[in-house]
Structure formats: structure tokens, C-alpha cells
Amino acid sequence: MRLITDWFKRTFSDPQIVFLTLILAVGFAIVLTMGDMLAPVLASAVIAYLLEGLVVVLEDRGLPRLLAVTIVFVAFVLFVTAVLFGLMPLLSRQVTELVQQLPNIIGTAQNALMALPERFPDVVSPKQAEEILSAVQSEIASWGQDVVSVSVSSVVGVLTILVYLVLMPMLVFFFLKDKDIILRWFTSFMPGERGLADIVWVEVDRQIANYVRGKFWEIIIVWAATLLAFTYFELQYAMLLAVLVGLSVVIPYVGATVVTIPVVMVAWFQWGWGQDFIWVTVAYLVIQALDGNVLVPLLFGEVVSLHPIAIIVAILVFGGLWGFWGVFFAIPLATLVNAVLRAWPTRGIAARPA
């Protein structure tokens, strides 16, 4: 008990550590208690932070701040418009077609499953095949119920999207335009000596900026390469599957494993165990191998210095706390935790009396 008391006194005798702890506690408390209400503000702040890098590049080339902000903001609005009115209708159409084909896919899979006891009697028994089929049918039924519940709440979802489409562009613009004013307002409430917080912020800012920039290009490259391969082999729902493969890189290790299932299932339903199925599968595996062994080291290097175990734990923890957005921002949040842990012992040791 005394050991814990001594550590507590030694560590929190440094005002900067107390200040950093207070900032982290308040930030997490706000997100946990008011995250849903402030979601448009938080999302807009994150987008503005990501766009700030482009604004800085234009400012370095001699453009005034307001003009640089306007150019970046217009480009962002055009990009979002292209996604909403160009890509989303195509994806929606392919999703509808895939849902219509699901009964046929399920029927084909059932026939193939029930044929396994005849082809491999020593491996799969008829009873095992029936149990697997029953489990799959119950899982599909639960998916159907989820789809119905989502469709019932779709009106609320549409209203939420409309609110986001109106509020978020305005918030992003003002966050970019008045960045200095907002930062001065926040820092006015902070003590003058905040060296530890500044050290953590510099480390987090460097790693997150590099991570986001690298992840954006990784998504684009993997999506484009997958789309070219699937289109070349004339795989059905090529755009939908390519988008899924591209977005899967956001969740390391887990995303690639999960998205493999629909890719293999669609290819198998279209061609069976034929040569085309083998070539598409090989092409997909080659893209995944190149992504993990060539593209990721090239784009990221050693910038995000997190162990794979730390990444998986971060995905599980933050995903459990905040769902999809927790998974999406798991690595940046893990980077924040890592930066705090790396800075904390240094300050604690420095604070010890000689």
C-alpha cells in the first residue's frame, strides 16, 4: 500500500502530469456522456483537422489563409458530392442486385453442403451437414430481422443524414477558417506551463497525420487495384466488392479476413470450382499480400510504432465503446495512449528529487 502511495505522490506532484491527466479525463468524459449529441461537432473537428494539412501546403506556397481554406473546402465538398451522387447510387444498385440473388446463392450453398457427406463420407456425416445447415439458416434468419429493423428506422436515419449534410460542411468551414481563434480560446483556459501536454500532442499529431495520409492512399490504391482485377475477370458486383476490400484496410488483420468471405462466395456462386474462380482468388490474395508486405511498409514505414497485439486490443476496446467510429479511429486513439505512456515515465523520473 505504501508503495502505491509513494508512486502516487511522486507522480502527481508534477503539475504538468496532473494537467495532462485532467485533459484526458475531461475529453473521454465528454465523448462518453455527450458523444451522440456532439457527434456532428466532433466529426467536423476531425475532418477539419485532416484537411488542415492541405491548407498548410497551400499557405506554404504563398496563398492567404482564407483563400487556401476556400480552395480546400470546395475540393472537399466536390469530393463528397462525387461520392454521394456518383459512387453511392452504383453501390446501392449492386447491393440491391446482390440481395435479390441471395436466395439463389443460399440454395446453391445448401446443395453443395448436403453433397459433402456423399463426396467425403469419412470427414462429414449427414448429421453434421444438417447441423451446419441449420446453424446457417438460423443465422440468415437473424440477419433478416436485422435488415427489417434497419428498414423501419430508415426514416430517422435519413433525417440524421440530412442534418449532417447541412451542419457538417458549415462546421468544417468555420473550424478551418477560425482555427487560430478557436485554439486561442481553448488555450486561454490552460496554464502557461504545459510542456508534457505539448510533448504528447506533437507526437500524436505527427503519427496521426502520417497515419491518416498513408491510410487514405492505401484505401485508394487497394480499391483501384481490386476493381481493375475484378473487372478484368468480369466478376459480378465488382465495384461493391472492390469498395469493401478497400475499406477493409481501415481495420488491420480483421478487415481483410472478414471481406474475404463475400469475395470468395460471389466468385464461387458465379463460376463454381472452375478456373475463373481460382484465378480471381489468386489475384485477390496477391493484392492482399502486396498490400501487407509492400504497400504498408512503403506508406507507413515505422511511423505508427504499434505492435499487432496493441492494434487488435485497440480495435476491440474502442470498437466496444463507440461502435463503428471506435473501430475507425482505433489506431489514432491507440497512438494517443502510446504517446502518453511514452512521455509519462520520463516526466515521472525527472520529477524525482535528486
Protein backbone atom coordinates (compact mmCIF):
# COMPACT_ATOMS: atom_id res chain seq x y z
CA MET A 1 0.00 0.00 0.00
CA ARG A 2 2.84 2.35 0.85
CA LEU A 3 4.45 1.60 -2.50
CA ILE A 4 1.29 2.73 -4.29
CA THR A 5 1.05 5.84 -2.10
CA ASP A 6 4.67 6.78 -2.78
CA TRP A 7 4.18 6.30 -6.53
CA PHE A 8 1.02 8.41 -6.45
CA LYS A 9 2.73 11.25 -4.55
CA ARG A 10 5.85 11.12 -6.72
CA THR A 11 3.93 11.03 -10.00
CA PHE A 12 1.19 13.56 -9.31
CA SER A 13 3.46 16.00 -7.56
CA ASP A 14 4.28 17.26 -11.06
CA PRO A 15 1.59 19.83 -12.05
CA GLN A 16 2.08 19.04 -15.74
CA ILE A 17 1.15 15.38 -15.20
CA VAL A 18 -1.92 16.47 -13.25
CA PHE A 19 -2.85 18.83 -16.10
CA LEU A 20 -2.39 16.12 -18.75
CA THR A 21 -4.46 13.67 -16.70
CA LEU A 22 -7.21 16.26 -16.32
CA ILE A 23 -7.30 16.95 -20.08
CA LEU A 24 -7.56 13.24 -20.93
CA ALA A 25 -10.22 12.62 -18.26
CA VAL A 26 -12.36 15.56 -19.38
CA GLY A 27 -12.00 14.61 -23.05
CA PHE A 28 -13.04 10.99 -22.52
CA ALA A 29 -15.88 12.05 -20.20
CA ILE A 30 -17.27 14.42 -22.82
CA VAL A 31 -17.12 11.78 -25.55
CA LEU A 32 -18.69 9.08 -23.36
CA THR A 33 -21.50 11.21 -21.94
CA MET A 34 -22.29 13.61 -24.80
CA GLY A 35 -20.81 11.81 -27.79
CA ASP A 36 -24.16 11.27 -29.50
CA MET A 37 -25.26 14.88 -29.10
CA LEU A 38 -21.93 16.32 -30.18
CA ALA A 39 -21.31 13.79 -32.96
CA PRO A 40 -21.62 16.36 -35.81
CA VAL A 41 -19.24 18.74 -33.99
CA LEU A 42 -16.70 16.01 -33.20
CA ALA A 43 -16.84 14.60 -36.73
CA SER A 44 -16.46 18.08 -38.24
CA ALA A 45 -13.48 18.80 -35.98
CA VAL A 46 -11.82 15.56 -37.11
CA ILE A 47 -12.45 16.36 -40.79
CA ALA A 48 -11.13 19.89 -40.35
CA TYR A 49 -8.02 18.51 -38.65
CA LEU A 50 -7.43 16.16 -41.61
CA LEU A 51 -7.96 18.95 -44.15
CA GLU A 52 -5.66 21.31 -42.26
CA GLY A 53 -2.63 19.61 -43.80
CA LEU A 54 -3.75 20.62 -47.30
CA VAL A 55 -4.42 24.17 -46.12
CA VAL A 56 -0.90 24.38 -44.69
CA VAL A 57 0.57 23.16 -48.00
CA LEU A 58 -1.24 25.93 -49.89
CA GLU A 59 -0.22 28.52 -47.28
CA ASP A 60 3.42 27.46 -47.67
CA ARG A 61 3.10 28.26 -51.37
CA GLY A 62 2.12 31.84 -50.59
CA LEU A 63 -1.70 31.72 -50.60
CA PRO A 64 -3.61 33.69 -47.95
CA ARG A 65 -5.25 31.60 -45.24
CA LEU A 66 -8.82 32.38 -46.33
CA LEU A 67 -8.14 31.56 -49.99
CA ALA A 68 -6.38 28.30 -49.05
CA VAL A 69 -9.29 27.33 -46.78
CA THR A 70 -11.80 28.12 -49.54
CA ILE A 71 -9.95 26.02 -52.14
CA VAL A 72 -9.60 23.02 -49.80
CA PHE A 73 -13.20 23.30 -48.62
CA VAL A 74 -14.57 23.46 -52.19
CA ALA A 75 -12.45 20.44 -53.15
CA PHE A 76 -13.79 18.58 -50.11
CA VAL A 77 -17.40 19.41 -50.99
CA LEU A 78 -16.85 18.29 -54.59
CA PHE A 79 -15.31 15.02 -53.38
CA VAL A 80 -18.25 14.33 -51.04
CA THR A 81 -20.71 15.22 -53.81
CA ALA A 82 -18.99 12.84 -56.23
CA VAL A 83 -19.17 10.05 -53.65
CA LEU A 84 -22.83 10.70 -52.80
CA PHE A 85 -24.14 11.11 -56.34
CA GLY A 86 -21.60 9.09 -58.32
CA LEU A 87 -20.42 6.15 -56.27
CA MET A 88 -23.32 5.62 -53.84
CA PRO A 89 -26.03 5.03 -56.50
CA LEU A 90 -23.83 2.40 -58.16
CA LEU A 91 -23.15 0.71 -54.84
CA SER A 92 -26.84 0.86 -53.93
CA ARG A 93 -27.78 -0.79 -57.22
CA GLN A 94 -25.24 -3.57 -56.77
CA VAL A 95 -26.33 -4.14 -53.16
CA THR A 96 -29.94 -4.48 -54.35
CA GLU A 97 -28.93 -6.96 -57.05
CA LEU A 98 -26.89 -8.97 -54.54
CA VAL A 99 -29.78 -9.09 -52.08
CA GLN A 100 -32.07 -10.33 -54.86
CA GLN A 101 -29.58 -13.06 -55.68
CA LEU A 102 -29.16 -14.17 -52.06
CA PRO A 103 -31.87 -16.90 -52.21
CA ASN A 104 -30.13 -18.46 -55.22
CA ILE A 105 -26.72 -18.21 -53.53
CA ILE A 106 -28.09 -19.76 -50.35
CA GLY A 107 -29.79 -22.55 -52.29
CA THR A 108 -26.60 -23.37 -54.17
CA ALA A 109 -24.63 -23.37 -50.93
CA GLN A 110 -27.17 -25.70 -49.31
CA ASN A 111 -26.95 -28.18 -52.18
CA ALA A 112 -23.17 -28.12 -52.06
CA LEU A 113 -23.23 -28.60 -48.28
CA MET A 114 -25.62 -31.54 -48.40
CA ALA A 115 -23.45 -33.17 -51.09
CA LEU A 116 -20.39 -33.20 -48.81
CA PRO A 117 -21.34 -36.43 -46.95
CA GLU A 118 -21.51 -38.28 -50.29
CA ARG A 119 -18.18 -36.92 -51.53
CA PHE A 120 -16.31 -37.06 -48.19
CA PRO A 121 -18.10 -39.66 -46.02
CA ASP A 122 -15.08 -40.08 -43.73
CA VAL A 123 -14.89 -36.35 -42.98
CA VAL A 124 -18.50 -35.09 -42.90
CA SER A 125 -21.51 -37.13 -41.81
CA PRO A 126 -25.10 -36.37 -42.89
CA LYS A 127 -25.94 -35.35 -39.31
CA GLN A 128 -23.06 -32.87 -39.23
CA ALA A 129 -24.12 -31.41 -42.57
CA GLU A 130 -27.69 -30.96 -41.29
CA GLU A 131 -26.43 -29.27 -38.10
CA ILE A 132 -24.26 -26.88 -40.11
CA LEU A 133 -27.16 -26.14 -42.46
CA SER A 134 -29.50 -25.48 -39.52
CA ALA A 135 -26.99 -23.10 -37.94
CA VAL A 136 -26.55 -21.22 -41.21
CA GLN A 137 -30.32 -20.92 -41.69
CA SER A 138 -30.81 -19.55 -38.16
CA GLU A 139 -28.00 -17.03 -38.74
CA ILE A 140 -29.59 -15.92 -42.01
CA ALA A 141 -32.93 -15.52 -40.25
CA SER A 142 -31.35 -13.27 -37.63
CA TRP A 143 -29.75 -11.22 -40.41
CA GLY A 144 -33.19 -10.83 -41.99
CA GLN A 145 -34.60 -9.50 -38.73
CA ASP A 146 -31.75 -7.02 -38.51
CA VAL A 147 -32.47 -5.84 -42.06
CA VAL A 148 -36.14 -5.31 -41.18
CA SER A 149 -35.25 -3.34 -38.06
CA VAL A 150 -32.85 -1.18 -40.08
CA SER A 151 -35.51 -0.50 -42.72
CA VAL A 152 -38.04 0.51 -40.05
CA SER A 153 -35.60 3.06 -38.63
CA SER A 154 -34.52 4.26 -42.07
CA VAL A 155 -36.65 7.43 -41.82
CA VAL A 156 -34.76 8.52 -38.73
CA GLY A 157 -31.51 7.65 -40.49
CA VAL A 158 -32.43 9.80 -43.49
CA LEU A 159 -33.25 12.76 -41.23
CA THR A 160 -29.95 12.34 -39.42
CA ILE A 161 -28.06 12.27 -42.72
CA LEU A 162 -29.81 15.44 -43.86
CA VAL A 163 -28.82 17.18 -40.63
CA TYR A 164 -25.24 16.06 -41.11
CA LEU A 165 -25.20 17.23 -44.72
CA VAL A 166 -26.31 20.72 -43.67
CA LEU A 167 -24.43 21.20 -40.40
CA MET A 168 -21.14 19.46 -41.01
CA PRO A 169 -19.96 21.44 -44.07
CA MET A 170 -20.65 24.68 -42.17
CA LEU A 171 -18.79 23.42 -39.10
CA VAL A 172 -15.84 22.19 -41.15
CA PHE A 173 -15.51 25.55 -42.90
CA PHE A 174 -15.57 27.55 -39.67
CA PHE A 175 -13.18 25.15 -37.93
CA LEU A 176 -10.71 25.71 -40.78
CA LYS A 177 -11.31 29.43 -41.15
CA ASP A 178 -11.19 30.31 -37.45
CA LYS A 179 -8.66 27.72 -36.30
CA ASP A 180 -6.40 30.28 -34.62
CA ILE A 181 -9.30 31.97 -32.82
CA ILE A 182 -10.62 28.62 -31.53
CA LEU A 183 -7.19 27.48 -30.37
CA ARG A 184 -6.56 30.78 -28.57
CA TRP A 185 -9.91 30.43 -26.82
CA PHE A 186 -9.08 26.91 -25.65
CA THR A 187 -5.54 27.75 -24.54
CA SER A 188 -6.83 30.72 -22.54
CA PHE A 189 -8.22 28.18 -20.04
CA MET A 190 -4.93 26.28 -19.81
CA PRO A 191 -1.90 27.00 -17.63
CA GLY A 192 1.16 28.57 -19.19
CA GLU A 193 3.37 25.60 -18.28
CA ARG A 194 2.04 22.58 -20.21
CA GLY A 195 5.25 21.04 -21.51
CA LEU A 196 4.14 17.42 -21.08
CA ALA A 197 0.85 18.02 -22.89
CA ASP A 198 2.75 19.73 -25.72
CA ILE A 199 5.17 16.78 -25.97
CA VAL A 200 2.28 14.32 -26.21
CA TRP A 201 0.42 16.47 -28.74
CA VAL A 202 3.46 16.83 -31.02
CA GLU A 203 3.97 13.06 -31.02
CA VAL A 204 0.28 12.29 -31.59
CA ASP A 205 -0.06 14.97 -34.28
CA ARG A 206 2.95 13.62 -36.18
CA GLN A 207 1.86 10.00 -36.06
CA ILE A 208 -1.83 10.58 -36.74
CA ALA A 209 -1.13 12.91 -39.68
CA ASN A 210 1.16 10.34 -41.28
CA TYR A 211 -1.23 7.51 -40.48
CA VAL A 212 -4.29 9.21 -41.97
CA ARG A 213 -2.43 10.32 -45.08
CA GLY A 214 -0.99 6.83 -45.60
CA LYS A 215 -4.31 5.11 -44.89
CA PHE A 216 -6.13 7.33 -47.41
CA TRP A 217 -3.70 6.37 -50.18
CA GLU A 218 -3.78 2.74 -49.13
CA ILE A 219 -7.57 2.66 -49.46
CA ILE A 220 -7.45 4.30 -52.90
CA ILE A 221 -4.67 2.04 -54.24
CA VAL A 222 -6.16 -1.21 -52.91
CA TRP A 223 -9.63 -0.24 -54.13
CA ALA A 224 -8.35 0.66 -57.62
CA ALA A 225 -6.20 -2.47 -57.95
CA THR A 226 -9.03 -4.72 -56.77
CA LEU A 227 -11.54 -3.04 -59.10
CA LEU A 228 -9.22 -3.50 -62.09
CA ALA A 229 -8.67 -7.18 -61.25
CA PHE A 230 -12.37 -7.95 -60.65
CA THR A 231 -13.43 -6.03 -63.76
CA TYR A 232 -10.84 -7.85 -65.88
CA PHE A 233 -12.21 -11.22 -64.75
CA GLU A 234 -15.81 -9.91 -65.12
CA LEU A 235 -16.69 -10.73 -61.53
CA GLN A 236 -20.22 -9.71 -60.56
CA TYR A 237 -20.64 -6.78 -58.16
CA ALA A 238 -17.04 -5.73 -58.89
CA MET A 239 -17.45 -2.17 -57.64
CA LEU A 240 -19.20 -3.20 -54.41
CA LEU A 241 -16.61 -5.87 -53.60
CA ALA A 242 -13.71 -3.55 -54.51
CA VAL A 243 -15.05 -0.85 -52.17
CA LEU A 244 -15.36 -3.42 -49.38
CA VAL A 245 -11.80 -4.60 -49.97
CA GLY A 246 -10.53 -1.01 -50.00
CA LEU A 247 -12.33 -0.09 -46.78
CA SER A 248 -11.19 -3.32 -45.11
CA VAL A 249 -7.67 -1.91 -44.74
CA VAL A 250 -9.04 0.53 -42.14
CA ILE A 251 -9.27 -2.44 -39.73
CA PRO A 252 -5.88 -4.19 -39.86
CA TYR A 253 -5.82 -8.00 -39.88
CA VAL A 254 -9.53 -8.34 -39.11
CA GLY A 255 -10.87 -6.43 -42.13
CA ALA A 256 -9.00 -8.48 -44.73
CA THR A 257 -10.17 -11.73 -43.11
CA VAL A 258 -13.83 -10.70 -42.97
CA VAL A 259 -14.06 -9.28 -46.51
CA THR A 260 -12.56 -12.46 -47.99
CA ILE A 261 -15.83 -14.30 -47.31
CA PRO A 262 -18.12 -12.28 -49.66
CA VAL A 263 -15.41 -12.17 -52.36
CA VAL A 264 -14.98 -15.95 -52.36
CA MET A 265 -18.73 -16.61 -52.08
CA VAL A 266 -19.64 -14.37 -55.03
CA ALA A 267 -16.86 -15.85 -57.18
CA TRP A 268 -17.86 -19.40 -56.25
CA PHE A 269 -21.55 -18.74 -56.98
CA GLN A 270 -20.69 -17.22 -60.37
CA TRP A 271 -18.22 -19.87 -61.60
CA GLY A 272 -18.20 -22.78 -59.15
CA TRP A 273 -14.88 -24.56 -58.64
CA GLY A 274 -13.70 -23.56 -62.10
CA GLN A 275 -10.58 -21.98 -63.49
CA ASP A 276 -12.01 -18.45 -63.30
CA PHE A 277 -12.72 -18.92 -59.60
CA ILE A 278 -9.12 -19.97 -59.00
CA TRP A 279 -7.69 -17.01 -60.96
CA VAL A 280 -9.89 -14.45 -59.17
CA THR A 281 -8.99 -15.92 -55.79
CA VAL A 282 -5.28 -15.90 -56.64
CA ALA A 283 -5.48 -12.29 -57.86
CA TYR A 284 -7.26 -11.24 -54.68
CA LEU A 285 -4.70 -13.00 -52.47
CA VAL A 286 -1.84 -11.41 -54.43
CA ILE A 287 -3.35 -7.95 -53.87
CA GLN A 288 -3.68 -8.65 -50.15
CA ALA A 289 -0.08 -9.91 -49.99
CA LEU A 290 1.25 -6.86 -51.85
CA ASP A 291 -0.74 -4.58 -49.58
CA GLY A 292 0.62 -6.10 -46.40
CA ASN A 293 4.23 -6.66 -47.50
CA VAL A 294 4.91 -3.82 -49.95
CA LEU A 295 2.33 -1.04 -49.76
CA VAL A 296 2.00 -0.75 -45.97
CA PRO A 297 5.79 -0.58 -45.30
CA LEU A 298 6.15 1.89 -48.18
CA LEU A 299 3.39 4.22 -47.00
CA PHE A 300 3.83 3.96 -43.25
CA GLY A 301 7.35 2.71 -42.53
CA GLU A 302 7.86 2.87 -38.77
CA VAL A 303 5.60 5.88 -38.22
CA VAL A 304 2.83 4.01 -36.43
CA SER A 305 5.01 2.10 -33.95
CA LEU A 306 2.29 -0.14 -32.54
CA HIS A 307 2.59 -3.87 -32.04
CA PRO A 308 -0.07 -6.00 -33.83
CA ILE A 309 -1.38 -7.13 -30.43
CA ALA A 310 -1.81 -3.48 -29.38
CA ILE A 311 -3.69 -2.74 -32.62
CA ILE A 312 -6.09 -5.69 -32.14
CA VAL A 313 -6.69 -4.77 -28.48
CA ALA A 314 -7.38 -1.15 -29.51
CA ILE A 315 -9.91 -2.30 -32.12
CA LEU A 316 -11.71 -4.47 -29.55
CA VAL A 317 -11.72 -1.85 -26.78
CA PHE A 318 -12.61 1.28 -28.74
CA GLY A 319 -14.98 -0.65 -31.01
CA GLY A 320 -16.81 -1.89 -27.92
CA LEU A 321 -17.04 1.66 -26.57
CA TRP A 322 -18.05 3.58 -29.70
CA GLY A 323 -19.03 1.01 -32.34
CA PHE A 324 -18.03 1.72 -35.94
CA TRP A 325 -16.34 5.04 -35.20
CA GLY A 326 -14.38 3.44 -32.38
CA VAL A 327 -13.08 0.84 -34.83
CA PHE A 328 -12.36 3.52 -37.45
CA PHE A 329 -10.33 5.66 -35.04
CA ALA A 330 -8.88 2.75 -33.04
CA ILE A 331 -5.30 3.22 -34.25
CA PRO A 332 -5.25 7.05 -33.78
CA LEU A 333 -6.66 6.58 -30.28
CA ALA A 334 -4.13 3.84 -29.59
CA THR A 335 -1.44 6.23 -30.83
CA LEU A 336 -2.63 8.78 -28.26
CA VAL A 337 -2.44 6.21 -25.47
CA ASN A 338 1.01 5.11 -26.69
CA ALA A 339 2.29 8.71 -26.74
CA VAL A 340 1.03 9.30 -23.20
CA LEU A 341 2.67 6.11 -21.94
CA ARG A 342 5.96 7.00 -23.64
CA ALA A 343 6.02 10.53 -22.20
CA TRP A 344 4.72 9.66 -18.73
CA PRO A 345 7.67 7.69 -17.26
CA THR A 346 10.16 10.29 -18.49
CA ARG A 347 8.36 13.06 -16.63
CA GLY A 348 7.82 10.87 -13.60
CA ILE A 349 11.52 10.04 -13.32
CA ALA A 350 12.50 13.65 -13.98
CA ALA A 351 10.22 14.77 -11.18
CA ARG A 352 12.02 12.66 -8.57
CA PRO A 353 14.12 14.62 -6.08
CA ALA A 354 17.86 14.28 -6.55
